[in-house]
Amino acid sequence: MRNIILTIATVLLSGALMAQGVFSNKTQSVLEKVIQDYPNHFHNIKGELISQVQKTAEYKSTLQLPGSPSCMIVLTGGSEAVASEGYSWTCTVLEAESFEKARERFHDIYGQLSNSIITSGKQKTFILNGQYEDPASDKKSTRVVFSLLPAVGDMKKLRVELLLVNEEKGYKILLSVNDHDPMLGAVTVN
């Protein structure tokens, strides 16, 4: 089974290499740098402390997507109830009043990331893979969860999420890199 998965990943990788050059867009380039720092708990891209409450600290990110209003890193320390730490990099990509504008940008970002080539700090190459879910204006949120193929070592825990949220005054698109929950896929929430 593992050989089949590796063969599929190799085929996808070769097809993706032909379809796009590495660093073909700025979103993918910034995301690659974030992913490269994931094993370091984003230590190298952690900027100024924004806030700290109990065992959660929020920092500005030194890496920001072009045109993004904000990017931050959140570190959550373990406690007796939660035995492990958590860490995430989250970037607000867009805040818009128009659903059509948000939907179009969500699709555009998905297209920039889907099947893109990611090279880790150890010069291992991965493909970013996620199933697209078309947003609907009557849904509270739409989430596409990407994973790295082949998933090996620490990178098995990594997930990249693209999220479109319907808020009171409009729509927000978020892109995040965080710890992996293997039970999640692309989901739409009412």
Protein backbone atom coordinates (compact mmCIF):
# COMPACT_ATOMS: atom_id res chain seq x y z
CA MET A 1 0.00 0.00 0.00
CA ARG A 2 2.83 2.37 0.87
CA ASN A 3 4.48 1.74 -2.51
CA ILE A 4 1.21 2.55 -4.28
CA ILE A 5 0.90 5.84 -2.37
CA LEU A 6 4.51 6.75 -3.16
CA THR A 7 4.00 5.89 -6.83
CA ILE A 8 0.88 8.07 -6.99
CA ALA A 9 2.73 10.90 -5.23
CA THR A 10 5.61 10.61 -7.71
CA VAL A 11 3.23 10.75 -10.68
CA LEU A 12 1.44 13.77 -9.21
CA LEU A 13 4.77 15.44 -8.48
CA SER A 14 6.06 14.99 -12.01
CA GLY A 15 2.77 16.27 -13.47
CA ALA A 16 2.76 19.24 -11.14
CA LEU A 17 6.37 20.06 -12.02
CA MET A 18 5.41 20.19 -15.68
CA ALA A 19 2.29 22.26 -14.97
CA GLN A 20 4.00 24.85 -12.81
CA GLY A 21 7.45 26.06 -11.98
CA VAL A 22 8.59 26.10 -8.39
CA PHE A 23 7.93 29.57 -6.89
CA SER A 24 5.44 30.35 -9.65
CA ASN A 25 3.48 32.73 -7.42
CA LYS A 26 4.04 34.85 -4.32
CA THR A 27 1.37 33.09 -2.23
CA GLN A 28 3.01 29.72 -2.77
CA SER A 29 6.48 31.18 -2.13
CA VAL A 30 5.49 32.67 1.26
CA LEU A 31 3.60 29.53 2.21
CA GLU A 32 6.65 27.41 1.37
CA LYS A 33 8.79 29.49 3.76
CA VAL A 34 6.16 29.09 6.50
CA ILE A 35 6.03 25.32 5.95
CA GLN A 36 9.83 25.13 6.03
CA ASP A 37 9.73 26.68 9.52
CA TYR A 38 6.90 24.43 10.74
CA PRO A 39 9.26 21.84 12.34
CA ASN A 40 10.80 24.77 14.31
CA HIS A 41 7.34 25.77 15.68
CA PHE A 42 7.62 28.91 13.50
CA HIS A 43 10.48 30.21 15.67
CA ASN A 44 12.32 31.81 12.71
CA ILE A 45 9.28 33.76 11.50
CA LYS A 46 7.93 34.78 14.91
CA GLY A 47 7.89 38.54 15.34
CA GLU A 48 6.77 40.86 18.12
CA LEU A 49 4.50 39.56 20.90
CA ILE A 50 0.92 40.83 20.41
CA SER A 51 -0.75 39.29 23.46
CA GLN A 52 -0.40 36.53 26.01
CA VAL A 53 -3.20 35.00 28.06
CA GLN A 54 -2.48 32.02 30.30
CA LYS A 55 -0.74 29.45 28.08
CA THR A 56 -1.55 31.09 24.73
CA ALA A 57 0.70 33.66 23.06
CA GLU A 58 0.04 35.56 19.83
CA TYR A 59 2.90 37.00 17.77
CA LYS A 60 3.10 39.01 14.57
CA SER A 61 4.49 36.95 11.73
CA THR A 62 7.58 38.25 9.94
CA LEU A 63 6.21 36.59 6.78
CA GLN A 64 3.07 38.05 5.26
CA LEU A 65 1.14 37.25 2.10
CA PRO A 66 1.07 40.09 -0.44
CA GLY A 67 -1.90 42.38 0.22
CA SER A 68 -2.79 40.66 3.49
CA PRO A 69 -4.01 42.86 6.35
CA SER A 70 -2.47 40.61 9.04
CA CYS A 71 -0.56 37.40 9.72
CA MET A 72 0.07 35.95 13.15
CA ILE A 73 1.54 32.98 14.96
CA VAL A 74 -0.32 31.46 17.89
CA LEU A 75 1.50 29.20 20.35
CA THR A 76 -0.52 27.23 22.88
CA GLY A 77 1.34 25.54 25.71
CA GLY A 78 0.39 22.15 27.09
CA SER A 79 -1.48 21.85 30.37
CA GLU A 80 -2.69 19.05 32.58
CA ALA A 81 -5.89 18.82 30.51
CA VAL A 82 -4.03 19.13 27.19
CA ALA A 83 -0.80 17.17 27.16
CA SER A 84 0.72 18.70 24.02
CA GLU A 85 1.58 22.06 22.57
CA GLY A 86 -0.06 23.56 19.53
CA TYR A 87 1.17 26.14 17.09
CA SER A 88 -0.25 27.80 14.04
CA TRP A 89 0.46 30.49 11.48
CA THR A 90 -2.69 32.26 10.30
CA CYS A 91 -3.00 34.97 7.70
CA THR A 92 -6.08 37.06 6.95
CA VAL A 93 -5.97 37.13 3.17
CA LEU A 94 -9.09 39.17 2.44
CA GLU A 95 -11.93 40.99 4.16
CA ALA A 96 -14.76 41.86 1.76
CA GLU A 97 -18.41 42.86 1.84
CA SER A 98 -19.19 41.09 -1.43
CA PHE A 99 -19.68 37.30 -1.46
CA GLU A 100 -18.78 37.15 -5.16
CA LYS A 101 -15.46 38.93 -4.55
CA ALA A 102 -14.67 36.61 -1.61
CA ARG A 103 -15.71 33.51 -3.57
CA GLU A 104 -13.57 34.52 -6.55
CA ARG A 105 -10.51 35.18 -4.35
CA PHE A 106 -11.05 31.89 -2.46
CA HIS A 107 -11.05 30.02 -5.78
CA ASP A 108 -7.98 31.97 -6.97
CA ILE A 109 -5.98 31.13 -3.81
CA TYR A 110 -7.02 27.48 -4.05
CA GLY A 111 -5.75 27.45 -7.64
CA GLN A 112 -2.43 28.96 -6.57
CA LEU A 113 -1.94 26.35 -3.85
CA SER A 114 -3.46 23.16 -5.26
CA ASN A 115 -0.79 20.72 -6.43
CA SER A 116 1.95 23.28 -5.81
CA ILE A 117 5.46 22.07 -5.13
CA ILE A 118 6.79 22.60 -1.60
CA THR A 119 10.44 22.00 -0.76
CA SER A 120 11.16 21.50 2.93
CA GLY A 121 14.31 22.68 4.69
CA LYS A 122 15.78 19.18 4.28
CA GLN A 123 15.36 19.50 0.48
CA LYS A 124 12.52 16.99 0.44
CA THR A 125 9.85 17.82 -2.10
CA PHE A 126 6.12 17.57 -1.39
CA ILE A 127 2.92 18.30 -3.26
CA LEU A 128 0.23 20.37 -1.56
CA ASN A 129 -3.03 18.51 -2.14
CA GLY A 130 -6.61 19.37 -1.14
CA GLN A 131 -10.13 18.84 -2.47
CA TYR A 132 -11.89 22.05 -3.56
CA GLU A 133 -15.27 22.87 -2.05
CA ASP A 134 -17.25 25.64 -3.76
CA PRO A 135 -18.45 28.24 -1.22
CA ALA A 136 -22.15 29.11 -0.98
CA SER A 137 -23.44 32.46 0.31
CA ASP A 138 -25.85 30.78 2.74
CA LYS A 139 -23.09 28.75 4.48
CA LYS A 140 -21.35 30.01 7.60
CA SER A 141 -17.95 28.80 6.38
CA THR A 142 -16.17 26.73 3.77
CA ARG A 143 -12.85 25.03 4.52
CA VAL A 144 -10.39 23.29 2.25
CA VAL A 145 -7.75 21.27 4.09
CA PHE A 146 -4.52 20.61 2.21
CA SER A 147 -1.93 18.03 3.18
CA LEU A 148 1.56 17.31 1.94
CA LEU A 149 2.15 14.24 -0.23
CA PRO A 150 3.93 12.07 0.57
CA ALA A 151 3.27 12.65 4.28
CA VAL A 152 6.37 11.58 6.18
CA GLY A 153 7.99 12.38 9.54
CA ASP A 154 6.93 15.61 11.25
CA MET A 155 5.17 16.68 8.06
CA LYS A 156 2.42 14.08 8.71
CA LYS A 157 0.99 16.44 11.35
CA LEU A 158 1.02 19.50 9.12
CA ARG A 159 -2.13 20.80 7.48
CA VAL A 160 -2.74 23.90 5.45
CA GLU A 161 -6.27 25.31 5.66
CA LEU A 162 -8.00 27.75 3.36
CA LEU A 163 -11.12 29.09 5.06
CA LEU A 164 -13.90 31.40 3.86
CA VAL A 165 -16.02 32.69 6.75
CA ASN A 166 -19.36 34.48 6.48
CA GLU A 167 -19.25 37.17 9.17
CA GLU A 168 -21.79 39.74 10.30
CA LYS A 169 -20.42 42.55 8.11
CA GLY A 170 -19.06 40.52 5.20
CA TYR A 171 -16.65 37.74 4.39
CA LYS A 172 -13.14 36.85 5.49
CA ILE A 173 -10.61 34.50 3.91
CA LEU A 174 -7.97 32.94 6.14
CA LEU A 175 -4.98 30.79 5.26
CA SER A 176 -3.31 28.81 8.04
CA VAL A 177 -0.60 26.25 8.65
CA ASN A 178 -1.04 24.20 11.81
CA ASP A 179 -1.02 20.81 13.53
CA HIS A 180 -2.81 18.12 11.57
CA ASP A 181 -6.10 16.46 12.46
CA PRO A 182 -6.18 13.43 10.11
CA MET A 183 -9.99 13.16 10.36
CA LEU A 184 -10.57 16.50 8.57
CA GLY A 185 -11.06 16.96 4.85
CA ALA A 186 -12.80 19.67 2.87
CA VAL A 187 -15.88 20.63 4.79
CA THR A 188 -18.67 23.14 4.50
CA VAL A 189 -20.43 24.22 7.67
CA ASN A 190 -24.00 25.56 7.84
